[in-house]
Structures are given as structure tokens and as C-alpha cells.
Amino acid sequence: MIKLYTAPTPNGYKVSCLLEMLQIPYEYELVNLLEKEQFSDQFKMKSPNSKIPAIEDTENNFALAESGAIMIYLADKAGKMLPKSGTERYEVLQWIMFQMGHIGPMMGQANVFYRYLPEKIPAAISRYQNECRRLYEVMDNRLSNQQWLCKEFSIADLANWCWIRTHRWSGIKMDGLDHLERWLKEIKGMPGIKEGLDIPIPITELKKIRDEQRAKNADAIVQK
């Protein structure tokens, strides 16, 4: 049995969607980031860097953190969505590293400066949004002559999809990225995706929570 410790973020969805797609039995627990539960001593035993997601594999008495490492572990465990050996395996790992080293960090910074930081810094917003757009163009070009990032649908597609699906939140326009948009739509309709996005909080409930938070923030600004 896999125990998943997660929150409703792109990195969290990478693992919940993968567990659903692989049909691996699992339980989950919400780590409340707003309440700083990720910094508890108990959670640090599972994730030394205090980041979600983390898993425990009770069959092997093994805990693992970092979403990319978890995805590789689960794919190997199930024998699906990651070639076992050879150049095809390393090609998938290349695109996993692309997400971990570029898509995730750049979109994360775009989110901070465009969405969260009270003081808007145009140069920073432009820098990160432009870099995200460039990365999207790299993927669009890759997808211009093949269905998936690699020969077959893999954890590389899923990892990148869980971030790029939130492009509006980062303020990134998709104009002219027809191949990337096709890819986004195809993955959205795959079995396990909808179920994975409802972990640990159903999407409908999450939207309500976010709407309430936006309203509180707006009230706070007016009161100032």
C-alpha cells in the first residue's frame, strides 16, 4: 500500500494522477501548507526538505520525497509509463528533468511575481513569463511531429502536463501553440486524470476555497 502525503499543487497532482493511472492502491493525507504542516518534525521524517508530495510504501517500509523521484519509483514499481532500460528510458528521464529543472521552477517564479507578490515588479513578471513561453515553444516544437514527448505516453508527459495545465494562473498565453494545446486536451481526457485532480481536495471544493480567499484578500485591500 502507498500512503501519499500531498496538497492541491501541480507537484502533488503529479503523484495522485500517476497513482490513479497506474491503478496502484493508495491512501492519502492532506498536508495543510497554509498551516505550515510541511515543517513539522513528523513530516520532515518523510520529506527532509519539507516539500510535498511524499510517499510511504508500506510493503517495503520505505519513504520517499521529491515528485520526480516518486514518479520514477512508482512507474518502475508498476512496470508502466517508463521504459525499463535503454535509450528510450533515458529519453523519458530527460523530459522529466526538463519539467523538474525548467518548467516547474520558471512557472513557480512566474506565479510568485505575477500572482502572489503584493508589489508588482514588471521586469520580473516579464522575465519569468517570457521564459515560460520559450519553454512552451520548445515543447510545442517537440510535439509538432509526434503525439507525446517520447515514443509512448509516459511519466514525462504527465509531469509536464500537471504544471502547464495551470498556464493561465501564471499569465502565460498559448497563442500559436497548437501542438501543445492538442497535447493538453488529450491528456485531460485520459482515465485517471479527473480522479487524480480530486486528491486531496475535490476540484469543485478547491475552487470555492480559492474564491473565498480572493474575496478576503480584496476586502483586506479595501480596508487598508
C-alpha atoms as a PDB file:
ATOM      1  CA  MET A   1       0.000   0.000   0.000  1.00  0.00           C
ATOM      2  CA  ILE A   2       1.160   3.514  -0.822  1.00  0.00           C
ATOM      3  CA  LYS A   3       0.449   6.334   1.637  1.00  0.00           C
ATOM      4  CA  LEU A   4       0.523   9.703  -0.142  1.00  0.00           C
ATOM      5  CA  TYR A   5       1.117  12.972   1.702  1.00  0.00           C
ATOM      6  CA  THR A   6       0.045  15.769  -0.577  1.00  0.00           C
ATOM      7  CA  ALA A   7      -1.608  19.119  -1.213  1.00  0.00           C
ATOM      8  CA  PRO A   8      -3.514  20.578  -4.205  1.00  0.00           C
ATOM      9  CA  THR A   9      -0.499  21.795  -6.199  1.00  0.00           C
ATOM     10  CA  PRO A  10       0.987  20.758  -9.566  1.00  0.00           C
ATOM     11  CA  ASN A  11       3.626  18.628  -7.847  1.00  0.00           C
ATOM     12  CA  GLY A  12       1.002  16.972  -5.683  1.00  0.00           C
ATOM     13  CA  TYR A  13      -1.201  16.227  -8.678  1.00  0.00           C
ATOM     14  CA  LYS A  14       1.720  14.613 -10.496  1.00  0.00           C
ATOM     15  CA  VAL A  15       1.686  11.778  -7.978  1.00  0.00           C
ATOM     16  CA  SER A  16      -2.063  11.449  -7.340  1.00  0.00           C
ATOM     17  CA  CYS A  17      -2.776  11.349 -11.083  1.00  0.00           C
ATOM     18  CA  LEU A  18       0.004   8.816 -11.606  1.00  0.00           C
ATOM     19  CA  LEU A  19      -1.305   6.557  -8.835  1.00  0.00           C
ATOM     20  CA  GLU A  20      -4.751   6.663 -10.432  1.00  0.00           C
ATOM     21  CA  MET A  21      -3.388   5.964 -13.933  1.00  0.00           C
ATOM     22  CA  LEU A  22      -1.264   3.071 -12.684  1.00  0.00           C
ATOM     23  CA  GLN A  23      -4.174   1.797 -10.556  1.00  0.00           C
ATOM     24  CA  ILE A  24      -1.896   1.341  -7.555  1.00  0.00           C
ATOM     25  CA  PRO A  25      -3.855   1.073  -4.274  1.00  0.00           C
ATOM     26  CA  TYR A  26      -3.179   4.060  -2.047  1.00  0.00           C
ATOM     27  CA  GLU A  27      -4.362   6.198   0.813  1.00  0.00           C
ATOM     28  CA  TYR A  28      -3.766   9.900   1.115  1.00  0.00           C
ATOM     29  CA  GLU A  29      -3.404  12.590   3.731  1.00  0.00           C
ATOM     30  CA  LEU A  30      -3.685  16.339   3.216  1.00  0.00           C
ATOM     31  CA  VAL A  31      -0.662  18.346   4.292  1.00  0.00           C
ATOM     32  CA  ASN A  32      -2.058  21.806   5.071  1.00  0.00           C
ATOM     33  CA  LEU A  33       0.519  24.180   3.629  1.00  0.00           C
ATOM     34  CA  LEU A  34      -1.283  27.266   4.928  1.00  0.00           C
ATOM     35  CA  GLU A  35      -0.952  25.911   8.459  1.00  0.00           C
ATOM     36  CA  LYS A  36       2.758  25.098   7.858  1.00  0.00           C
ATOM     37  CA  GLU A  37       2.232  21.385   8.476  1.00  0.00           C
ATOM     38  CA  GLN A  38       5.035  20.640   5.998  1.00  0.00           C
ATOM     39  CA  PHE A  39       7.532  21.956   8.559  1.00  0.00           C
ATOM     40  CA  SER A  40       6.510  19.572  11.322  1.00  0.00           C
ATOM     41  CA  ASP A  41       9.161  17.188  12.623  1.00  0.00           C
ATOM     42  CA  GLN A  42       6.899  14.272  11.730  1.00  0.00           C
ATOM     43  CA  PHE A  43       6.624  15.302   8.083  1.00  0.00           C
ATOM     44  CA  LYS A  44      10.345  16.073   7.825  1.00  0.00           C
ATOM     45  CA  MET A  45      10.997  12.401   8.534  1.00  0.00           C
ATOM     46  CA  LYS A  46       9.307  11.662   5.219  1.00  0.00           C
ATOM     47  CA  SER A  47      10.411  14.768   3.310  1.00  0.00           C
ATOM     48  CA  PRO A  48      13.703  16.264   4.573  1.00  0.00           C
ATOM     49  CA  ASN A  49      13.166  19.460   2.546  1.00  0.00           C
ATOM     50  CA  SER A  50       9.631  19.977   3.915  1.00  0.00           C
ATOM     51  CA  LYS A  51       8.067  19.787   0.446  1.00  0.00           C
ATOM     52  CA  ILE A  52       5.048  17.873  -0.732  1.00  0.00           C
ATOM     53  CA  PRO A  53       4.459  15.303  -2.073  1.00  0.00           C
ATOM     54  CA  ALA A  54       5.949  12.438  -0.133  1.00  0.00           C
ATOM     55  CA  ILE A  55       5.028   8.774  -0.020  1.00  0.00           C
ATOM     56  CA  GLU A  56       5.417   5.770   2.223  1.00  0.00           C
ATOM     57  CA  ASP A  57       5.477   2.321   0.630  1.00  0.00           C
ATOM     58  CA  THR A  58       4.285   0.144   3.495  1.00  0.00           C
ATOM     59  CA  GLU A  59       5.206  -3.058   1.651  1.00  0.00           C
ATOM     60  CA  ASN A  60       8.862  -2.059   1.557  1.00  0.00           C
ATOM     61  CA  ASN A  61       8.924   0.121   4.704  1.00  0.00           C
ATOM     62  CA  PHE A  62      10.274   2.908   2.522  1.00  0.00           C
ATOM     63  CA  ALA A  63       9.622   6.659   2.476  1.00  0.00           C
ATOM     64  CA  LEU A  64      10.414   8.911  -0.479  1.00  0.00           C
ATOM     65  CA  ALA A  65      10.097  12.616  -1.278  1.00  0.00           C
ATOM     66  CA  GLU A  66      10.598  14.791  -4.388  1.00  0.00           C
ATOM     67  CA  SER A  67       7.864  14.383  -7.010  1.00  0.00           C
ATOM     68  CA  GLY A  68      10.171  13.352  -9.858  1.00  0.00           C
ATOM     69  CA  ALA A  69      11.820  10.627  -7.804  1.00  0.00           C
ATOM     70  CA  ILE A  70       8.406   9.414  -6.628  1.00  0.00           C
ATOM     71  CA  MET A  71       7.102   9.210 -10.197  1.00  0.00           C
ATOM     72  CA  ILE A  72      10.111   7.164 -11.313  1.00  0.00           C
ATOM     73  CA  TYR A  73       9.739   4.869  -8.308  1.00  0.00           C
ATOM     74  CA  LEU A  74       6.024   4.259  -8.891  1.00  0.00           C
ATOM     75  CA  ALA A  75       6.431   3.742 -12.650  1.00  0.00           C
ATOM     76  CA  ASP A  76       9.164   1.190 -12.008  1.00  0.00           C
ATOM     77  CA  LYS A  77       7.039  -0.472  -9.326  1.00  0.00           C
ATOM     78  CA  ALA A  78       4.114  -0.855 -11.747  1.00  0.00           C
ATOM     79  CA  GLY A  79       6.233  -1.552 -14.830  1.00  0.00           C
ATOM     80  CA  LYS A  80       4.332   1.113 -16.786  1.00  0.00           C
ATOM     81  CA  MET A  81       4.856   4.610 -18.225  1.00  0.00           C
ATOM     82  CA  LEU A  82       8.666   4.351 -18.045  1.00  0.00           C
ATOM     83  CA  PRO A  83      10.785   2.026 -20.211  1.00  0.00           C
ATOM     84  CA  LYS A  84      12.809  -0.427 -18.146  1.00  0.00           C
ATOM     85  CA  SER A  85      16.128   0.194 -19.870  1.00  0.00           C
ATOM     86  CA  GLY A  86      17.937   1.545 -22.910  1.00  0.00           C
ATOM     87  CA  THR A  87      17.882   4.901 -24.652  1.00  0.00           C
ATOM     88  CA  GLU A  88      14.076   5.155 -24.526  1.00  0.00           C
ATOM     89  CA  ARG A  89      14.234   5.169 -20.714  1.00  0.00           C
ATOM     90  CA  TYR A  90      16.791   7.966 -20.672  1.00  0.00           C
ATOM     91  CA  GLU A  91      14.762   9.976 -23.153  1.00  0.00           C
ATOM     92  CA  VAL A  92      11.809   9.886 -20.762  1.00  0.00           C
ATOM     93  CA  LEU A  93      14.097  10.850 -17.884  1.00  0.00           C
ATOM     94  CA  GLN A  94      15.390  13.755 -19.978  1.00  0.00           C
ATOM     95  CA  TRP A  95      11.890  15.226 -20.249  1.00  0.00           C
ATOM     96  CA  ILE A  96      11.212  14.560 -16.570  1.00  0.00           C
ATOM     97  CA  MET A  97      14.329  16.616 -15.799  1.00  0.00           C
ATOM     98  CA  PHE A  98      13.076  19.283 -18.216  1.00  0.00           C
ATOM     99  CA  GLN A  99       9.996  19.658 -16.058  1.00  0.00           C
ATOM    100  CA  MET A 100      11.858  19.478 -12.762  1.00  0.00           C
ATOM    101  CA  GLY A 101      14.631  21.858 -13.773  1.00  0.00           C
ATOM    102  CA  HIS A 102      12.803  24.311 -16.032  1.00  0.00           C
ATOM    103  CA  ILE A 103       9.002  24.168 -16.322  1.00  0.00           C
ATOM    104  CA  GLY A 104       8.333  23.860 -12.574  1.00  0.00           C
ATOM    105  CA  PRO A 105      10.838  26.451 -11.309  1.00  0.00           C
ATOM    106  CA  MET A 106      10.074  29.025 -14.018  1.00  0.00           C
ATOM    107  CA  MET A 107       6.301  28.720 -13.666  1.00  0.00           C
ATOM    108  CA  GLY A 108       6.716  28.832  -9.900  1.00  0.00           C
ATOM    109  CA  GLN A 109       8.583  32.135 -10.134  1.00  0.00           C
ATOM    110  CA  ALA A 110       6.045  33.477 -12.632  1.00  0.00           C
ATOM    111  CA  ASN A 111       3.316  32.631 -10.129  1.00  0.00           C
ATOM    112  CA  VAL A 112       5.094  34.467  -7.325  1.00  0.00           C
ATOM    113  CA  PHE A 113       5.705  37.694  -9.231  1.00  0.00           C
ATOM    114  CA  TYR A 114       2.516  37.723 -11.325  1.00  0.00           C
ATOM    115  CA  ARG A 115       0.013  36.328  -8.849  1.00  0.00           C
ATOM    116  CA  TYR A 116       1.184  36.368  -5.244  1.00  0.00           C
ATOM    117  CA  LEU A 117       3.682  39.157  -4.554  1.00  0.00           C
ATOM    118  CA  PRO A 118       1.857  42.284  -3.306  1.00  0.00           C
ATOM    119  CA  GLU A 119       4.386  44.561  -5.011  1.00  0.00           C
ATOM    120  CA  LYS A 120       4.258  44.100  -8.782  1.00  0.00           C
ATOM    121  CA  ILE A 121       7.687  44.199 -10.438  1.00  0.00           C
ATOM    122  CA  PRO A 122       7.129  44.387 -14.225  1.00  0.00           C
ATOM    123  CA  ALA A 123      10.696  43.369 -15.137  1.00  0.00           C
ATOM    124  CA  ALA A 124      10.471  40.208 -13.013  1.00  0.00           C
ATOM    125  CA  ILE A 125       6.995  39.326 -14.291  1.00  0.00           C
ATOM    126  CA  SER A 126       8.122  39.754 -17.889  1.00  0.00           C
ATOM    127  CA  ARG A 127      11.337  37.795 -17.340  1.00  0.00           C
ATOM    128  CA  TYR A 128       9.612  34.685 -15.976  1.00  0.00           C
ATOM    129  CA  GLN A 129       6.577  34.780 -18.251  1.00  0.00           C
ATOM    130  CA  ASN A 130       8.822  35.119 -21.310  1.00  0.00           C
ATOM    131  CA  GLU A 131      10.985  32.209 -20.183  1.00  0.00           C
ATOM    132  CA  CYS A 132       7.882  30.079 -19.603  1.00  0.00           C
ATOM    133  CA  ARG A 133       6.657  30.951 -23.079  1.00  0.00           C
ATOM    134  CA  ARG A 134      10.047  29.960 -24.535  1.00  0.00           C
ATOM    135  CA  LEU A 135       9.875  26.607 -22.742  1.00  0.00           C
ATOM    136  CA  TYR A 136       6.351  26.069 -24.054  1.00  0.00           C
ATOM    137  CA  GLU A 137       7.653  26.700 -27.561  1.00  0.00           C
ATOM    138  CA  VAL A 138      10.347  24.054 -27.027  1.00  0.00           C
ATOM    139  CA  MET A 139       7.606  21.560 -26.165  1.00  0.00           C
ATOM    140  CA  ASP A 140       5.332  22.713 -28.985  1.00  0.00           C
ATOM    141  CA  ASN A 141       8.144  22.093 -31.448  1.00  0.00           C
ATOM    142  CA  ARG A 142       8.773  18.664 -29.944  1.00  0.00           C
ATOM    143  CA  LEU A 143       5.085  17.792 -30.277  1.00  0.00           C
ATOM    144  CA  SER A 144       4.820  19.083 -33.839  1.00  0.00           C
ATOM    145  CA  ASN A 145       5.744  15.708 -35.325  1.00  0.00           C
ATOM    146  CA  GLN A 146       4.815  13.229 -32.586  1.00  0.00           C
ATOM    147  CA  GLN A 147       1.887  12.602 -30.243  1.00  0.00           C
ATOM    148  CA  TRP A 148       3.839  12.508 -26.987  1.00  0.00           C
ATOM    149  CA  LEU A 149       7.106  13.890 -25.677  1.00  0.00           C
ATOM    150  CA  CYS A 150       8.687  10.463 -26.182  1.00  0.00           C
ATOM    151  CA  LYS A 151       7.774   7.389 -28.201  1.00  0.00           C
ATOM    152  CA  GLU A 152       4.921   6.403 -25.886  1.00  0.00           C
ATOM    153  CA  PHE A 153       2.864   8.291 -23.300  1.00  0.00           C
ATOM    154  CA  SER A 154       4.978   8.394 -20.147  1.00  0.00           C
ATOM    155  CA  ILE A 155       5.513   9.992 -16.775  1.00  0.00           C
ATOM    156  CA  ALA A 156       7.309  12.788 -18.634  1.00  0.00           C
ATOM    157  CA  ASP A 157       4.048  13.824 -20.309  1.00  0.00           C
ATOM    158  CA  LEU A 158       2.141  13.650 -17.041  1.00  0.00           C
ATOM    159  CA  ALA A 159       4.736  15.605 -15.049  1.00  0.00           C
ATOM    160  CA  ASN A 160       4.829  18.459 -17.554  1.00  0.00           C
ATOM    161  CA  TRP A 161       1.047  18.421 -18.050  1.00  0.00           C
ATOM    162  CA  CYS A 162       0.313  18.911 -14.353  1.00  0.00           C
ATOM    163  CA  TRP A 163       2.187  22.210 -14.488  1.00  0.00           C
ATOM    164  CA  ILE A 164       1.322  23.512 -17.951  1.00  0.00           C
ATOM    165  CA  ARG A 165      -2.417  22.994 -17.408  1.00  0.00           C
ATOM    166  CA  THR A 166      -2.155  25.941 -14.960  1.00  0.00           C
ATOM    167  CA  HIS A 167      -0.673  28.339 -17.548  1.00  0.00           C
ATOM    168  CA  ARG A 168      -3.449  30.917 -17.030  1.00  0.00           C
ATOM    169  CA  TRP A 169      -2.552  31.187 -13.347  1.00  0.00           C
ATOM    170  CA  SER A 170       0.981  32.138 -14.404  1.00  0.00           C
ATOM    171  CA  GLY A 171      -0.315  34.578 -17.021  1.00  0.00           C
ATOM    172  CA  ILE A 172       1.196  32.624 -19.923  1.00  0.00           C
ATOM    173  CA  LYS A 173      -0.636  32.908 -23.264  1.00  0.00           C
ATOM    174  CA  MET A 174      -0.983  29.859 -25.505  1.00  0.00           C
ATOM    175  CA  ASP A 175      -1.486  31.739 -28.787  1.00  0.00           C
ATOM    176  CA  GLY A 176       0.034  29.808 -31.683  1.00  0.00           C
ATOM    177  CA  LEU A 177       0.974  26.745 -29.612  1.00  0.00           C
ATOM    178  CA  ASP A 178      -1.432  24.445 -31.417  1.00  0.00           C
ATOM    179  CA  HIS A 179       0.528  21.237 -30.820  1.00  0.00           C
ATOM    180  CA  LEU A 180       0.898  21.922 -27.111  1.00  0.00           C
ATOM    181  CA  GLU A 181      -2.811  22.708 -26.784  1.00  0.00           C
ATOM    182  CA  ARG A 182      -3.701  19.468 -28.576  1.00  0.00           C
ATOM    183  CA  TRP A 183      -1.457  17.588 -26.144  1.00  0.00           C
ATOM    184  CA  LEU A 184      -3.059  19.309 -23.136  1.00  0.00           C
ATOM    185  CA  LYS A 185      -6.554  18.327 -24.254  1.00  0.00           C
ATOM    186  CA  GLU A 186      -5.617  14.719 -24.998  1.00  0.00           C
ATOM    187  CA  ILE A 187      -4.118  14.151 -21.566  1.00  0.00           C
ATOM    188  CA  LYS A 188      -7.014  15.880 -19.791  1.00  0.00           C
ATOM    189  CA  GLY A 189      -9.390  13.231 -21.124  1.00  0.00           C
ATOM    190  CA  MET A 190      -7.294  10.202 -20.146  1.00  0.00           C
ATOM    191  CA  PRO A 191      -8.533   7.721 -17.500  1.00  0.00           C
ATOM    192  CA  GLY A 192      -7.323   8.586 -14.011  1.00  0.00           C
ATOM    193  CA  ILE A 193      -6.713  12.277 -14.613  1.00  0.00           C
ATOM    194  CA  LYS A 194     -10.022  13.588 -13.258  1.00  0.00           C
ATOM    195  CA  GLU A 195      -9.784  11.287 -10.250  1.00  0.00           C
ATOM    196  CA  GLY A 196      -6.206  12.349  -9.542  1.00  0.00           C
ATOM    197  CA  LEU A 197      -7.095  16.029  -9.647  1.00  0.00           C
ATOM    198  CA  ASP A 198      -9.682  15.482  -6.911  1.00  0.00           C
ATOM    199  CA  ILE A 199      -6.940  14.378  -4.486  1.00  0.00           C
ATOM    200  CA  PRO A 200      -6.645  15.558  -1.756  1.00  0.00           C
ATOM    201  CA  ILE A 201      -9.477  18.097  -2.226  1.00  0.00           C
ATOM    202  CA  PRO A 202     -12.182  17.856  -4.908  1.00  0.00           C
ATOM    203  CA  ILE A 203     -11.672  20.488  -7.609  1.00  0.00           C
ATOM    204  CA  THR A 204     -15.119  21.999  -7.005  1.00  0.00           C
ATOM    205  CA  GLU A 205     -14.382  22.448  -3.295  1.00  0.00           C
ATOM    206  CA  LEU A 206     -10.903  23.825  -4.032  1.00  0.00           C
ATOM    207  CA  LYS A 207     -12.339  26.467  -6.363  1.00  0.00           C
ATOM    208  CA  LYS A 208     -14.776  27.533  -3.637  1.00  0.00           C
ATOM    209  CA  ILE A 209     -11.939  27.854  -1.109  1.00  0.00           C
ATOM    210  CA  ARG A 210      -9.879  29.921  -3.548  1.00  0.00           C
ATOM    211  CA  ASP A 211     -12.827  32.194  -4.359  1.00  0.00           C
ATOM    212  CA  GLU A 212     -13.357  32.810  -0.648  1.00  0.00           C
ATOM    213  CA  GLN A 213      -9.654  33.558  -0.187  1.00  0.00           C
ATOM    214  CA  ARG A 214      -9.693  36.045  -3.080  1.00  0.00           C
ATOM    215  CA  ALA A 215     -12.704  37.784  -1.552  1.00  0.00           C
ATOM    216  CA  LYS A 216     -10.920  38.068   1.828  1.00  0.00           C
ATOM    217  CA  ASN A 217      -7.818  39.469   0.132  1.00  0.00           C
ATOM    218  CA  ALA A 218      -9.940  42.019  -1.761  1.00  0.00           C
ATOM    219  CA  ASP A 219     -11.649  43.103   1.481  1.00  0.00           C
ATOM    220  CA  ALA A 220      -8.264  43.494   3.175  1.00  0.00           C
ATOM    221  CA  ILE A 221      -7.038  45.746   0.378  1.00  0.00           C
ATOM    222  CA  VAL A 222     -10.180  47.931   0.590  1.00  0.00           C
ATOM    223  CA  GLN A 223      -9.850  48.253   4.371  1.00  0.00           C
ATOM    224  CA  LYS A 224      -6.262  49.455   4.008  1.00  0.00           C
END
